[in-house]
Protein backbone atom coordinates (compact mmCIF):
# COMPACT_ATOMS: atom_id res chain seq x y z
CA UNK A 1 29.61 7.83 -4.06
CA UNK A 2 28.64 7.00 -0.47
CA UNK A 3 25.10 6.75 0.89
CA UNK A 4 24.32 7.69 4.48
CA UNK A 5 21.09 7.09 6.39
CA UNK A 6 19.30 9.16 8.97
CA UNK A 7 16.54 7.28 10.81
CA UNK A 8 13.58 8.63 12.79
CA UNK A 9 10.82 6.63 14.43
CA UNK A 10 7.44 8.39 14.38
CA UNK A 11 4.18 7.45 16.10
CA UNK A 12 1.25 8.70 14.04
CA UNK A 13 -2.17 8.87 15.76
CA UNK A 14 -5.11 7.90 13.56
CA UNK A 15 -8.13 10.15 13.11
CA UNK A 16 -10.34 7.24 14.26
CA UNK A 17 -9.66 3.79 15.64
CA UNK A 18 -9.12 1.55 12.61
CA UNK A 19 -10.52 -1.95 12.98
CA UNK A 20 -10.36 -4.96 10.71
CA UNK A 21 -11.34 -8.57 11.35
CA UNK A 22 -8.11 -9.40 13.18
CA UNK A 23 -7.62 -6.30 15.33
CA UNK A 24 -7.65 -2.55 15.88
CA UNK A 25 -5.11 0.24 15.94
CA UNK A 26 -5.10 3.85 17.12
CA UNK A 27 -1.48 4.65 16.27
CA UNK A 28 0.61 3.80 13.21
CA UNK A 29 4.30 3.22 13.95
CA UNK A 30 6.38 4.37 10.99
CA UNK A 31 10.13 4.68 10.60
CA UNK A 32 11.29 7.54 8.37
CA UNK A 33 14.54 7.02 6.48
CA UNK A 34 16.45 9.92 4.92
CA UNK A 35 19.22 9.05 2.49
CA UNK A 36 22.04 11.41 1.55
CA UNK A 37 24.83 10.90 -0.94
CA UNK A 38 28.25 12.60 -0.92
CA UNK A 39 27.64 14.78 -3.96
CA UNK A 40 27.10 17.80 -1.71
CA UNK A 41 29.49 20.70 -2.14
CA UNK A 42 31.70 21.88 0.70
CA UNK A 43 29.50 24.92 1.20
CA UNK A 44 26.39 22.77 1.48
CA UNK A 45 25.25 23.50 -2.05
CA UNK A 46 23.66 20.78 -4.15
CA UNK A 47 22.42 19.04 -0.98
CA UNK A 48 19.77 16.47 -1.84
CA UNK A 49 17.98 14.20 0.63
CA UNK A 50 15.81 11.26 -0.39
CA UNK A 51 12.93 10.49 1.97
CA UNK A 52 11.18 7.17 2.53
CA UNK A 53 9.39 5.38 5.35
CA UNK A 54 8.61 1.92 6.64
CA UNK A 55 5.13 1.03 7.87
CA UNK A 56 5.80 -2.39 9.41
CA UNK A 57 3.05 -4.95 10.02
CA UNK A 58 3.14 -7.50 12.82
CA UNK A 59 1.15 -9.77 10.51
CA UNK A 60 4.32 -10.09 8.43
CA UNK A 61 6.62 -10.28 11.45
CA UNK A 62 7.82 -6.68 11.49
CA UNK A 63 7.67 -3.89 14.05
CA UNK A 64 9.19 -0.43 14.24
CA UNK A 65 11.84 -1.95 16.50
CA UNK A 66 12.84 -4.62 13.97
CA UNK A 67 13.00 -1.99 11.23
CA UNK A 68 15.32 0.16 13.32
CA UNK A 69 17.41 -2.91 14.16
CA UNK A 70 18.10 -3.90 10.54
CA UNK A 71 18.57 -0.47 8.97
CA UNK A 72 22.29 -0.33 9.90
CA UNK A 73 22.78 -3.60 7.99
CA UNK A 74 20.94 -2.15 4.99
CA UNK A 75 23.02 1.02 5.14
CA UNK A 76 26.21 -1.03 5.14
CA UNK A 77 24.96 -3.14 2.24
CA UNK A 78 24.34 -0.19 -0.08
CA UNK A 79 26.78 2.43 1.21
CA UNK A 80 29.02 2.25 -1.85
CA UNK A 81 26.36 1.45 -4.48
CA UNK A 82 25.53 4.08 -7.08
CA UNK A 83 22.02 5.22 -6.07
CA UNK A 84 21.00 5.34 -9.74
CA UNK A 85 21.34 1.54 -9.76
CA UNK A 86 17.99 1.21 -8.03
CA UNK A 87 17.47 -2.44 -8.91
CA UNK A 88 20.87 -3.33 -7.51
CA UNK A 89 20.07 -1.32 -4.36
CA UNK A 90 17.00 -3.50 -3.77
CA UNK A 91 18.92 -6.70 -4.53
CA UNK A 92 21.70 -5.80 -2.10
CA UNK A 93 19.14 -4.97 0.58
CA UNK A 94 17.40 -8.31 0.11
CA UNK A 95 20.69 -10.18 0.29
CA UNK A 96 21.53 -8.40 3.53
CA UNK A 97 18.11 -8.62 5.18
CA UNK A 98 15.67 -11.03 3.58
CA UNK A 99 12.73 -11.05 5.99
CA UNK A 100 12.13 -7.34 6.60
CA UNK A 101 10.36 -6.02 3.49
CA UNK A 102 9.07 -2.81 5.08
CA UNK A 103 12.59 -1.83 6.12
CA UNK A 104 13.84 -2.58 2.61
CA UNK A 105 10.93 -0.66 1.11
CA UNK A 106 11.84 2.43 3.15
CA UNK A 107 15.35 2.36 1.69
CA UNK A 108 14.05 1.78 -1.84
CA UNK A 109 11.58 4.67 -1.56
CA UNK A 110 14.22 7.04 -0.19
CA UNK A 111 16.73 6.12 -2.90
CA UNK A 112 14.16 6.55 -5.68
CA UNK A 113 13.25 9.94 -4.20
CA UNK A 114 16.94 10.90 -4.11
CA UNK A 115 17.59 9.82 -7.70
CA UNK A 116 14.53 11.58 -9.13
CA UNK A 117 15.47 14.73 -7.22
CA UNK A 118 18.99 14.54 -8.64
CA UNK A 119 17.43 14.45 -12.11
CA UNK A 120 14.91 17.15 -11.12
CA UNK A 121 11.93 15.12 -12.33
CA UNK A 122 8.88 13.60 -10.60
CA UNK A 123 9.31 9.91 -9.87
CA UNK A 124 6.68 8.86 -12.42
CA UNK A 125 8.73 10.51 -15.18
CA UNK A 126 11.88 8.74 -14.02
CA UNK A 127 9.91 5.47 -14.19
CA UNK A 128 8.46 6.32 -17.62
CA UNK A 129 4.82 6.26 -16.47
CA UNK A 130 1.85 8.34 -17.61
CA UNK A 131 0.09 10.04 -14.66
CA UNK A 132 -3.07 10.53 -16.71
CA UNK A 133 -3.74 6.78 -16.49
CA UNK A 134 -3.68 6.61 -12.68
CA UNK A 135 -7.02 5.64 -11.07
CA UNK A 136 -8.28 7.51 -8.03
CA UNK A 137 -7.79 5.80 -4.70
CA UNK A 138 -10.56 4.14 -2.75
CA UNK A 139 -11.21 5.05 0.89
CA UNK A 140 -11.51 2.38 3.56
CA UNK A 141 -14.39 2.11 6.01
CA UNK A 142 -13.18 0.12 9.00
CA UNK A 143 -15.31 -1.96 11.34
CA UNK A 144 -17.27 -0.01 13.95
CA UNK A 145 -20.78 0.30 15.27
CA UNK A 146 -23.40 0.28 12.55
CA UNK A 147 -24.27 3.93 13.17
CA UNK A 148 -20.62 5.02 13.00
CA UNK A 149 -20.07 3.01 9.82
CA UNK A 150 -23.01 4.77 8.20
CA UNK A 151 -21.68 8.15 9.34
CA UNK A 152 -18.17 7.39 8.05
CA UNK A 153 -19.53 6.30 4.68
CA UNK A 154 -21.65 9.43 4.42
CA UNK A 155 -18.65 11.62 5.29
CA UNK A 156 -16.46 9.84 2.76
CA UNK A 157 -19.04 10.28 0.02
CA UNK A 158 -19.42 13.96 0.91
CA UNK A 159 -15.62 14.34 0.69
CA UNK A 160 -15.76 13.08 -2.89
CA UNK A 161 -14.61 9.46 -2.63
CA UNK A 162 -16.31 7.52 -5.40
CA UNK A 163 -15.06 4.09 -4.29
CA UNK A 164 -15.19 2.73 -0.74
CA UNK A 165 -13.47 -0.38 0.55
CA UNK A 166 -15.50 -1.96 3.33
CA UNK A 167 -13.83 -4.04 6.01
CA UNK A 168 -15.84 -7.17 6.81
CA UNK A 169 -15.19 -10.52 8.45
CA UNK A 170 -17.62 -10.64 11.38
CA UNK A 171 -21.05 -12.11 12.08
CA UNK A 172 -22.68 -8.81 11.09
CA UNK A 173 -21.22 -8.37 7.60
CA UNK A 174 -24.59 -7.81 5.96
CA UNK A 175 -25.45 -5.02 8.39
CA UNK A 176 -22.04 -3.43 7.79
CA UNK A 177 -22.43 -3.42 4.01
CA UNK A 178 -26.02 -2.18 4.28
CA UNK A 179 -24.89 0.68 6.53
CA UNK A 180 -22.20 1.74 4.06
CA UNK A 181 -24.67 1.60 1.20
CA UNK A 182 -27.13 3.73 3.17
CA UNK A 183 -24.44 6.31 3.88
CA UNK A 184 -23.02 6.31 0.35
CA UNK A 185 -25.74 5.10 -2.01
CA UNK A 186 -23.87 6.04 -5.19
CA UNK A 187 -20.40 4.81 -4.26
CA UNK A 188 -18.67 1.80 -5.79
CA UNK A 189 -18.15 -0.73 -2.99
CA UNK A 190 -15.45 -3.34 -2.50
CA UNK A 191 -15.18 -5.60 0.54
CA UNK A 192 -12.09 -6.95 2.31
CA UNK A 193 -12.43 -9.87 4.73
CA UNK A 194 -8.73 -10.00 5.69
CA UNK A 195 -8.73 -13.84 5.68
CA UNK A 196 -11.70 -14.08 8.07
CA UNK A 197 -14.07 -16.40 6.19
CA UNK A 198 -14.19 -20.11 5.51
CA UNK A 199 -14.43 -21.06 1.83
CA UNK A 200 -18.11 -22.03 2.01
CA UNK A 201 -18.94 -18.92 4.02
CA UNK A 202 -17.15 -16.79 1.43
CA UNK A 203 -19.20 -18.23 -1.42
CA UNK A 204 -22.46 -17.73 0.48
CA UNK A 205 -21.58 -14.14 1.28
CA UNK A 206 -20.36 -13.44 -2.26
CA UNK A 207 -23.86 -14.29 -3.50
CA UNK A 208 -25.61 -11.57 -1.51
CA UNK A 209 -22.68 -9.18 -1.94
CA UNK A 210 -23.18 -9.46 -5.69
CA UNK A 211 -26.84 -8.59 -5.21
CA UNK A 212 -25.73 -5.56 -3.18
CA UNK A 213 -23.70 -4.29 -6.15
CA UNK A 214 -20.25 -4.95 -4.66
CA UNK A 215 -17.44 -4.77 -7.22
CA UNK A 216 -15.11 -7.48 -5.86
CA UNK A 217 -14.09 -9.37 -2.72
CA UNK A 218 -10.56 -9.09 -1.31
CA UNK A 219 -8.81 -11.92 0.57
CA UNK A 220 -11.89 -13.91 1.59
CA UNK A 221 -10.02 -16.86 3.14
CA UNK A 222 -6.69 -17.39 4.94
CA UNK A 223 -3.54 -17.23 2.85
CA UNK A 224 -2.63 -20.61 4.35
CA UNK A 225 -5.58 -22.20 2.51
CA UNK A 226 -4.78 -22.02 -1.22
CA UNK A 227 -7.28 -24.77 -2.06
CA UNK A 228 -9.95 -22.87 -0.16
CA UNK A 229 -9.11 -19.84 -2.25
CA UNK A 230 -9.50 -21.92 -5.40
CA UNK A 231 -12.87 -23.18 -4.13
CA UNK A 232 -14.09 -19.59 -3.68
CA UNK A 233 -12.65 -18.39 -7.00
CA UNK A 234 -14.38 -21.18 -8.94
CA UNK A 235 -17.79 -20.54 -7.32
CA UNK A 236 -17.95 -16.83 -6.54
CA UNK A 237 -20.17 -14.59 -8.67
CA UNK A 238 -17.75 -11.75 -7.88
CA UNK A 239 -14.09 -11.29 -8.84
CA UNK A 240 -11.61 -12.29 -6.14
CA UNK A 241 -8.65 -10.14 -5.14
CA UNK A 242 -5.75 -11.47 -3.10
CA UNK A 243 -3.59 -9.53 -0.67
CA UNK A 244 -2.12 -11.74 2.04
CA UNK A 245 -1.97 -14.63 -0.47
CA UNK A 246 0.42 -12.74 -2.75
CA UNK A 247 3.42 -11.03 -1.21
CA UNK A 248 6.03 -10.91 -4.00
CA UNK A 249 6.23 -11.59 -7.73
CA UNK A 250 7.22 -15.21 -7.07
CA UNK A 251 3.77 -15.82 -5.52
CA UNK A 252 1.87 -14.84 -8.66
CA UNK A 253 2.05 -18.20 -10.50
CA UNK A 254 0.60 -20.01 -7.46
CA UNK A 255 -2.48 -17.78 -7.26
CA UNK A 256 -3.01 -17.17 -10.98
CA UNK A 257 -5.74 -19.83 -11.20
CA UNK A 258 -7.24 -18.85 -7.85
CA UNK A 259 -7.85 -15.09 -8.19
CA UNK A 260 -8.69 -12.28 -10.59
CA UNK A 261 -6.83 -9.38 -8.98
CA UNK A 262 -3.45 -9.13 -7.24
CA UNK A 263 -2.88 -6.54 -4.51
CA UNK A 264 0.66 -5.18 -4.27
CA UNK A 265 2.00 -3.26 -1.28
CA UNK A 266 5.51 -1.85 -1.17
CA UNK A 267 5.67 -2.83 2.49
CA UNK A 268 5.08 -6.47 1.56
CA UNK A 269 7.23 -6.83 -1.53
CA UNK A 270 10.17 -4.68 -0.43
CA UNK A 271 10.47 -1.77 -2.82
CA UNK A 272 9.59 0.13 -5.96
CA UNK A 273 11.35 -2.21 -8.40
CA UNK A 274 9.97 -5.26 -6.60
CA UNK A 275 6.47 -3.81 -7.04
CA UNK A 276 7.08 -3.32 -10.76
CA UNK A 277 8.15 -6.96 -10.98
CA UNK A 278 4.96 -8.07 -9.24
CA UNK A 279 2.81 -6.00 -11.60
CA UNK A 280 4.61 -7.47 -14.61
CA UNK A 281 4.13 -11.02 -13.33
CA UNK A 282 0.45 -10.38 -12.72
CA UNK A 283 -0.04 -8.98 -16.21
CA UNK A 284 1.78 -11.94 -17.72
CA UNK A 285 -0.72 -14.25 -15.99
CA UNK A 286 -3.74 -12.26 -17.14
CA UNK A 287 -4.53 -10.78 -13.72
CA UNK A 288 -5.67 -7.29 -12.83
CA UNK A 289 -3.62 -5.31 -10.33
CA UNK A 290 -4.38 -3.21 -7.30
CA UNK A 291 -1.92 -1.01 -5.42
CA UNK A 292 -2.49 -1.07 -1.68
CA UNK A 293 -0.80 0.20 1.47
CA UNK A 294 -0.57 -0.06 5.22
CA UNK A 295 -1.42 2.90 7.46
CA UNK A 296 1.48 5.02 6.28
CA UNK A 297 2.85 8.53 6.23
CA UNK A 298 3.07 10.29 2.89
CA UNK A 299 6.80 9.69 3.22
CA UNK A 300 5.94 6.14 2.11
CA UNK A 301 2.59 6.53 0.32
CA UNK A 302 3.98 9.12 -2.10
CA UNK A 303 6.20 6.61 -3.88
CA UNK A 304 3.29 4.22 -4.34
CA UNK A 305 1.23 7.00 -5.88
CA UNK A 306 3.75 7.28 -8.72
CA UNK A 307 3.19 3.59 -9.49
CA UNK A 308 -0.57 4.05 -9.77
CA UNK A 309 -0.47 4.31 -13.60
CA UNK A 310 0.50 0.62 -13.65
CA UNK A 311 -2.68 -0.44 -11.83
CA UNK A 312 -6.33 -1.17 -12.51
CA UNK A 313 -7.33 -0.30 -8.95
CA UNK A 314 -5.74 1.87 -6.25
CA UNK A 315 -6.17 1.71 -2.48
CA UNK A 316 -3.67 4.28 -1.19
CA UNK A 317 -5.64 5.85 1.64
CA UNK A 318 -3.23 5.05 4.49
CA UNK A 319 -2.09 8.65 5.00
CA UNK A 320 -5.71 9.84 4.78
CA UNK A 321 -6.55 7.83 7.90
CA UNK A 322 -4.03 9.76 10.02
CA UNK A 323 -4.96 12.58 12.36
CA UNK A 324 -1.81 14.45 11.36
CA UNK A 325 0.89 13.46 8.88
CA UNK A 326 4.27 15.22 9.10
CA UNK A 327 4.49 15.01 5.29
CA UNK A 328 2.31 16.24 2.47
CA UNK A 329 2.03 14.05 -0.61
CA UNK A 330 0.24 13.56 -3.92
CA UNK A 331 -2.79 11.61 -2.59
CA UNK A 332 -5.59 14.06 -1.94
CA UNK A 333 -8.84 13.98 0.02
CA UNK A 334 -11.52 12.81 -2.37
CA UNK A 335 -9.25 10.16 -3.87
CA UNK A 336 -7.44 12.03 -6.62
CA UNK A 337 -3.69 11.65 -7.07
CA UNK A 338 -2.28 15.09 -7.81
CA UNK A 339 0.86 14.66 -9.87
CA UNK A 340 2.53 18.04 -9.76
CA UNK A 341 6.05 18.96 -10.79
CA UNK A 342 7.67 18.25 -7.45
CA UNK A 343 10.90 16.38 -8.10
CA UNK A 344 11.08 12.95 -6.52
CA UNK A 345 8.09 11.35 -4.82
CA UNK A 346 6.49 14.64 -3.85
CA UNK A 347 6.64 13.89 -0.13
CA UNK A 348 7.28 17.29 1.43
CA UNK A 349 7.88 17.81 5.13
CA UNK A 350 5.40 20.20 6.70
């Protein structure tokens, strides 16, 4: 059986400028990967295409251009591998291209979509997971003017989102959180500093964030400061989640005594099986898990949604931030994950 790739770069405008502590974006650059096998009949019958996508992050050294550059190497590495050997597919991709996890994730997602479609089952059934245990996703409120933040929070609450993730990491964090609370007084709030605080600053802010009813703090200090993370973890009145500090399963032991929650993103770890390994490592160390994302098309987000039953918390709103996504998927406005009977990931081209 031979696997063949078709690659398409797509620029996806966002509904609003999305700003975090280290920058802003108006467009998400994704690379869609379609994988075909040679099980198609001569008349075109039995044609099955697996769809995935990469949402590269410059923070991790990837761009759409680097993804496109390495995909031929990934195609060559897995061309003759049985697509049902999904763990081997990911291992061969990592051997071929070690430092491009978003590119590898796109291949993994597409192959898992292909395999589940071949079996005519939704991906969560192929993975043996119970969709009834999947939490709803949070919705992210990016940095903006105080008035716009309040308006965005009010709109999100009106759309049915019960949990909001608030981007912080500036000298006006208290005003930002207050504005979100004013706009969505009944919502559960989480905050994400994206590495912007010093350890002492993080502890000080965690004190008043606890008083504001915030659920937990994500990545308060730089990933390059593990002892600073420990300092915050030992003194914070709120649980600490890590994102940038934990990229793959091998990072879990190093942060196990410095955090309460591990955030997994397919674009960081490199694929569906790699994500399952990270979740297993986190559980083994007594940590909670959160499934996150970049700003991604449903061609990528959809696969993550099927992993949601493994998680305590879900933050899969990347496709919801787009002005127009060329794919529909299982993550719905309001935060619910709608597991229907679509075979594969459920990413369907519009």
